[in-house]
């Protein structure tokens, strides 16, 4: 929960099961089976409390997302609030496991989750709670407008449906970076899941790849049919945008930005945004060539 560990070893059976459950939850959410996705995540979280591998705090935000998408708005915020309020007890439980496993840190002291790390985690969780509270306010405002519209229509003179549609346009909810990042993540899971990542990055092909993205849409099948060096570049581009949007979860995008985009297809508005801004982290490319 505190950080990501990079460990060169085979996965334990428990870690393999956690990985499979997280992938299963992604697939279930992509099929809009949110109840099953929530169940898979809860089983994964339970196992994650017993293994030495650490996952980023954002892994735990996925449950709030699926609760929200299933219409369980209050539960989504309650889950995040529970993460915040019980952070110390969770960190203390991890420290107890570190001691049991014999993990040590500087000067041969038992491994600890520092106060600084805990405060940073609280700050990140608070930001996520604020994001969901804003979403909840938008939902309530939309419901109030709908009710007012029903009241007005019940007392107003009868008009044709066409006139009502023209005079009361539907308000569309703004999209946030968290939403866009999740869509790209789900897309990459279907493009690259199970594939190795050992081929060096050939940046010389980037102009062709960005031109291909600009001509959108891009489907999972399109990515599979690309030459390996182009596919490697697409993977790096999308991975960087997942990272960027994870760091900017409240970044606003216009309504309709994800129209037509799904877990198997990225459509022009999103692809044009990627082509316009190119590499979010160009400094990462040098080490991968």
Protein backbone atom coordinates (compact mmCIF):
# COMPACT_ATOMS: atom_id res chain seq x y z
CA UNK A 1 0.00 0.00 0.00
CA UNK A 2 2.94 2.28 0.58
CA UNK A 3 4.88 1.83 -2.64
CA UNK A 4 5.52 -0.36 -5.67
CA UNK A 5 8.12 -3.09 -5.27
CA UNK A 6 10.08 -4.30 -8.31
CA UNK A 7 11.15 -7.83 -7.51
CA UNK A 8 12.98 -10.17 -9.90
CA UNK A 9 11.55 -13.56 -8.89
CA UNK A 10 8.69 -15.87 -9.69
CA UNK A 11 5.31 -14.92 -8.28
CA UNK A 12 4.03 -16.85 -5.31
CA UNK A 13 0.67 -18.63 -5.78
CA UNK A 14 -1.00 -15.87 -3.75
CA UNK A 15 0.56 -13.11 -5.86
CA UNK A 16 -0.46 -14.90 -9.06
CA UNK A 17 -4.03 -15.15 -7.77
CA UNK A 18 -4.06 -11.44 -6.89
CA UNK A 19 -2.81 -10.55 -10.37
CA UNK A 20 -5.48 -12.74 -11.96
CA UNK A 21 -8.21 -11.22 -9.77
CA UNK A 22 -7.16 -7.66 -10.70
CA UNK A 23 -7.20 -8.58 -14.40
CA UNK A 24 -10.56 -10.30 -13.96
CA UNK A 25 -11.99 -7.20 -12.29
CA UNK A 26 -10.82 -5.07 -15.23
CA UNK A 27 -12.49 -7.43 -17.72
CA UNK A 28 -15.72 -7.59 -15.69
CA UNK A 29 -15.87 -3.80 -15.41
CA UNK A 30 -15.25 -3.55 -19.16
CA UNK A 31 -18.35 -5.72 -19.63
CA UNK A 32 -20.23 -3.43 -17.15
CA UNK A 33 -20.60 -6.33 -14.70
CA UNK A 34 -19.66 -4.04 -11.81
CA UNK A 35 -20.99 -6.27 -9.02
CA UNK A 36 -18.68 -9.08 -10.11
CA UNK A 37 -15.78 -6.63 -10.54
CA UNK A 38 -16.35 -5.35 -6.99
CA UNK A 39 -16.32 -8.91 -5.66
CA UNK A 40 -13.09 -9.72 -7.50
CA UNK A 41 -11.42 -6.60 -6.11
CA UNK A 42 -12.48 -7.36 -2.55
CA UNK A 43 -11.01 -10.87 -2.82
CA UNK A 44 -7.78 -9.42 -4.24
CA UNK A 45 -7.55 -6.83 -1.45
CA UNK A 46 -8.01 -9.52 1.18
CA UNK A 47 -5.09 -11.52 -0.25
CA UNK A 48 -2.94 -8.39 -0.66
CA UNK A 49 -2.91 -8.00 3.12
CA UNK A 50 -1.03 -11.29 3.48
CA UNK A 51 1.81 -11.03 0.91
CA UNK A 52 5.05 -9.00 0.94
CA UNK A 53 4.46 -7.31 -2.42
CA UNK A 54 3.25 -3.71 -2.20
CA UNK A 55 0.71 -2.13 -4.55
CA UNK A 56 0.25 1.61 -5.20
CA UNK A 57 -2.54 3.31 -3.28
CA UNK A 58 -4.40 3.92 -6.55
CA UNK A 59 -5.04 0.17 -6.80
CA UNK A 60 -7.42 0.60 -3.87
CA UNK A 61 -9.21 3.48 -5.64
CA UNK A 62 -10.55 1.05 -8.25
CA UNK A 63 -13.18 -0.22 -5.82
CA UNK A 64 -14.55 3.32 -5.39
CA UNK A 65 -14.67 3.69 -9.17
CA UNK A 66 -16.66 0.49 -9.68
CA UNK A 67 -19.01 1.31 -6.79
CA UNK A 68 -19.60 4.72 -8.37
CA UNK A 69 -20.25 3.24 -11.82
CA UNK A 70 -22.77 0.80 -10.32
CA UNK A 71 -24.69 3.73 -8.77
CA UNK A 72 -23.51 3.09 -5.19
CA UNK A 73 -22.20 6.62 -4.77
CA UNK A 74 -22.29 6.78 -0.98
CA UNK A 75 -20.46 3.47 -0.65
CA UNK A 76 -17.73 4.76 -2.97
CA UNK A 77 -17.03 7.76 -0.74
CA UNK A 78 -17.33 5.64 2.41
CA UNK A 79 -14.69 3.24 1.07
CA UNK A 80 -12.28 6.10 0.41
CA UNK A 81 -13.02 7.65 3.80
CA UNK A 82 -12.32 4.30 5.45
CA UNK A 83 -8.95 4.15 3.65
CA UNK A 84 -8.17 7.60 5.05
CA UNK A 85 -9.43 7.11 8.59
CA UNK A 86 -7.85 3.68 9.10
CA UNK A 87 -4.59 4.33 7.29
CA UNK A 88 -2.49 4.13 10.45
CA UNK A 89 -3.98 0.79 11.50
CA UNK A 90 -3.35 -0.63 8.02
CA UNK A 91 0.23 0.67 8.03
CA UNK A 92 0.79 -0.74 11.53
CA UNK A 93 -0.48 -4.12 10.33
CA UNK A 94 2.01 -4.00 7.44
CA UNK A 95 4.83 -3.15 9.85
CA UNK A 96 3.88 -6.17 11.96
CA UNK A 97 4.20 -8.34 8.85
CA UNK A 98 7.58 -6.75 8.02
CA UNK A 99 8.76 -7.77 11.49
CA UNK A 100 7.41 -11.30 11.03
CA UNK A 101 9.22 -11.58 7.67
CA UNK A 102 12.40 -10.17 9.19
CA UNK A 103 12.53 -7.12 6.92
CA UNK A 104 15.15 -4.57 7.97
CA UNK A 105 16.11 -1.08 6.85
CA UNK A 106 19.00 1.37 7.51
CA UNK A 107 21.26 0.61 10.48
CA UNK A 108 19.69 -2.82 10.84
CA UNK A 109 16.39 -1.47 12.19
CA UNK A 110 13.00 -3.12 11.57
CA UNK A 111 11.31 -1.81 8.42
CA UNK A 112 8.81 0.97 9.04
CA UNK A 113 6.32 3.04 7.04
CA UNK A 114 7.47 6.54 7.87
CA UNK A 115 5.29 9.44 8.98
CA UNK A 116 6.14 11.25 5.74
CA UNK A 117 4.91 8.31 3.64
CA UNK A 118 1.72 8.08 5.71
CA UNK A 119 1.04 11.82 5.33
CA UNK A 120 1.59 11.61 1.56
CA UNK A 121 -0.85 8.70 1.35
CA UNK A 122 -3.44 10.67 3.34
CA UNK A 123 -3.02 13.63 0.99
CA UNK A 124 -3.55 11.43 -2.08
CA UNK A 125 -6.64 9.82 -0.54
CA UNK A 126 -8.06 13.24 0.41
CA UNK A 127 -7.65 14.37 -3.21
CA UNK A 128 -9.53 11.29 -4.37
CA UNK A 129 -12.32 11.90 -1.83
CA UNK A 130 -12.64 15.49 -3.09
CA UNK A 131 -12.89 14.20 -6.65
CA UNK A 132 -15.74 11.83 -5.76
CA UNK A 133 -17.53 14.45 -3.66
CA UNK A 134 -17.48 16.77 -6.68
CA UNK A 135 -18.89 13.97 -8.83
CA UNK A 136 -21.62 13.44 -6.25
CA UNK A 137 -22.48 17.16 -6.26
CA UNK A 138 -22.79 17.06 -10.05
CA UNK A 139 -25.12 14.07 -9.83
CA UNK A 140 -27.30 15.84 -7.25
CA UNK A 141 -27.40 19.05 -9.32
CA UNK A 142 -28.40 17.07 -12.38
CA UNK A 143 -31.15 15.27 -10.42
CA UNK A 144 -32.45 18.60 -9.06
CA UNK A 145 -32.55 20.09 -12.57
CA UNK A 146 -34.38 17.00 -13.81
CA UNK A 147 -36.98 17.30 -11.04
CA UNK A 148 -37.44 21.01 -11.71
CA UNK A 149 -37.86 20.24 -15.40
CA UNK A 150 -40.56 17.67 -14.59
CA UNK A 151 -42.35 20.20 -12.38
CA UNK A 152 -42.26 22.88 -15.05
CA UNK A 153 -43.47 20.47 -17.72
CA UNK A 154 -46.43 19.41 -15.55
CA UNK A 155 -47.76 22.99 -15.31
CA UNK A 156 -46.62 24.40 -18.65
CA UNK A 157 -48.82 24.38 -21.79
CA UNK A 158 -48.43 21.31 -23.93
CA UNK A 159 -45.80 21.64 -26.63
CA UNK A 160 -44.42 19.26 -29.18
CA UNK A 161 -41.49 17.06 -28.07
CA UNK A 162 -39.31 18.78 -30.66
CA UNK A 163 -39.87 22.21 -29.10
CA UNK A 164 -39.03 20.94 -25.61
CA UNK A 165 -35.85 19.31 -26.87
CA UNK A 166 -34.76 22.53 -28.55
CA UNK A 167 -35.46 24.77 -25.57
CA UNK A 168 -34.06 22.50 -22.82
CA UNK A 169 -30.77 21.01 -24.08
CA UNK A 170 -29.36 18.08 -22.13
CA UNK A 171 -26.38 19.00 -19.93
CA UNK A 172 -23.50 16.56 -20.25
CA UNK A 173 -21.17 15.86 -17.35
CA UNK A 174 -17.53 16.90 -17.67
CA UNK A 175 -14.96 14.10 -17.85
CA UNK A 176 -11.95 13.92 -15.53
CA UNK A 177 -8.43 12.65 -15.98
CA UNK A 178 -9.25 9.65 -13.77
CA UNK A 179 -11.96 8.59 -16.25
CA UNK A 180 -9.68 8.96 -19.28
CA UNK A 181 -6.80 7.15 -17.58
CA UNK A 182 -9.03 4.21 -16.70
CA UNK A 183 -10.26 3.91 -20.28
CA UNK A 184 -6.69 3.86 -21.64
CA UNK A 185 -5.64 1.35 -18.96
CA UNK A 186 -8.49 -1.00 -19.86
CA UNK A 187 -7.60 -0.68 -23.56
CA UNK A 188 -3.93 -1.54 -22.93
CA UNK A 189 -4.94 -4.55 -20.84
CA UNK A 190 -6.59 -6.01 -23.96
CA UNK A 191 -3.73 -5.02 -26.28
CA UNK A 192 -0.68 -6.08 -24.31
CA UNK A 193 -1.75 -8.40 -21.49
CA UNK A 194 0.62 -11.35 -21.21
CA UNK A 195 3.14 -9.88 -23.67
CA UNK A 196 6.79 -9.35 -22.84
CA UNK A 197 8.33 -5.89 -22.80
CA UNK A 198 11.97 -6.66 -23.66
CA UNK A 199 12.30 -5.14 -27.13
CA UNK A 200 14.21 -1.82 -27.11
CA UNK A 201 12.19 1.29 -27.92
CA UNK A 202 12.81 2.56 -31.48
CA UNK A 203 11.85 6.24 -31.31
CA UNK A 204 12.75 6.73 -34.99
CA UNK A 205 9.28 5.36 -35.85
CA UNK A 206 7.38 7.84 -33.65
CA UNK A 207 6.26 10.11 -36.52
CA UNK A 208 4.60 7.18 -38.27
CA UNK A 209 2.95 6.02 -35.03
CA UNK A 210 1.61 9.46 -34.12
CA UNK A 211 0.32 9.87 -37.69
CA UNK A 212 -1.46 6.52 -37.33
CA UNK A 213 -3.03 7.65 -34.06
CA UNK A 214 -4.11 10.94 -35.63
CA UNK A 215 -5.97 9.04 -38.35
CA UNK A 216 -8.00 7.16 -35.64
CA UNK A 217 -9.95 5.37 -34.41
CA UNK A 218 -7.63 2.70 -33.02
CA UNK A 219 -8.90 -0.76 -32.09
CA UNK A 220 -7.29 -3.63 -30.21
CA UNK A 221 -7.09 -5.52 -33.52
CA UNK A 222 -5.33 -2.55 -35.16
CA UNK A 223 -2.66 -2.63 -32.45
CA UNK A 224 -2.16 -6.40 -32.77
CA UNK A 225 -1.60 -5.99 -36.53
CA UNK A 226 1.14 -3.34 -36.16
CA UNK A 227 4.81 -4.28 -36.66
CA UNK A 228 6.49 -5.07 -33.36
CA UNK A 229 8.51 -1.83 -33.17
CA UNK A 230 5.36 0.26 -33.82
CA UNK A 231 3.40 -1.75 -31.28
CA UNK A 232 6.18 -1.15 -28.74
CA UNK A 233 5.89 2.61 -29.32
CA UNK A 234 2.09 2.55 -28.94
CA UNK A 235 2.53 0.68 -25.68
CA UNK A 236 5.01 3.28 -24.40
CA UNK A 237 2.80 6.22 -25.44
CA UNK A 238 -0.31 4.82 -23.77
CA UNK A 239 1.62 3.82 -20.65
CA UNK A 240 2.95 7.36 -20.28
CA UNK A 241 -0.57 8.77 -20.58
CA UNK A 242 -1.85 6.35 -17.93
CA UNK A 243 0.93 7.61 -15.63
CA UNK A 244 0.24 11.26 -16.49
CA UNK A 245 -3.50 10.98 -15.90
CA UNK A 246 -2.93 9.07 -12.66
CA UNK A 247 -0.96 12.08 -11.45
CA UNK A 248 -3.66 14.48 -12.74
CA UNK A 249 -6.87 12.66 -11.86
CA UNK A 250 -8.90 15.90 -11.60
CA UNK A 251 -7.76 17.25 -14.99
CA UNK A 252 -10.99 18.32 -16.79
CA UNK A 253 -11.91 17.20 -20.30
CA UNK A 254 -14.93 18.39 -22.29
CA UNK A 255 -18.22 16.46 -22.35
CA UNK A 256 -18.18 13.97 -25.20
CA UNK A 257 -14.40 13.55 -25.04
CA UNK A 258 -14.80 9.77 -24.70
CA UNK A 259 -17.73 9.36 -27.11
CA UNK A 260 -17.24 6.13 -29.04
CA UNK A 261 -14.26 5.10 -26.94
CA UNK A 262 -14.44 1.75 -25.14
CA UNK A 263 -12.18 -0.93 -23.70
CA UNK A 264 -11.57 -2.17 -27.28
CA UNK A 265 -11.53 1.11 -29.23
CA UNK A 266 -9.97 4.58 -28.83
CA UNK A 267 -11.74 7.30 -30.80
CA UNK A 268 -10.49 10.55 -32.44
CA UNK A 269 -11.01 13.11 -29.62
CA UNK A 270 -8.76 11.14 -27.27
CA UNK A 271 -6.25 10.22 -29.99
CA UNK A 272 -6.02 13.82 -31.22
CA UNK A 273 -5.28 14.96 -27.65
CA UNK A 274 -2.46 12.41 -27.45
CA UNK A 275 -1.04 13.51 -30.81
CA UNK A 276 -1.23 17.18 -29.86
CA UNK A 277 0.70 16.72 -26.60
CA UNK A 278 2.96 13.87 -27.76
CA UNK A 279 5.12 12.47 -24.90
CA UNK A 280 4.10 13.45 -21.35
CA UNK A 281 7.48 12.24 -20.02
CA UNK A 282 10.05 12.52 -22.87
CA UNK A 283 12.88 12.17 -20.35
CA UNK A 284 11.91 8.50 -19.91
CA UNK A 285 12.62 7.62 -23.53
CA UNK A 286 16.43 7.83 -23.45
CA UNK A 287 16.81 5.00 -20.96
CA UNK A 288 14.58 2.70 -23.02
CA UNK A 289 16.25 3.05 -26.43
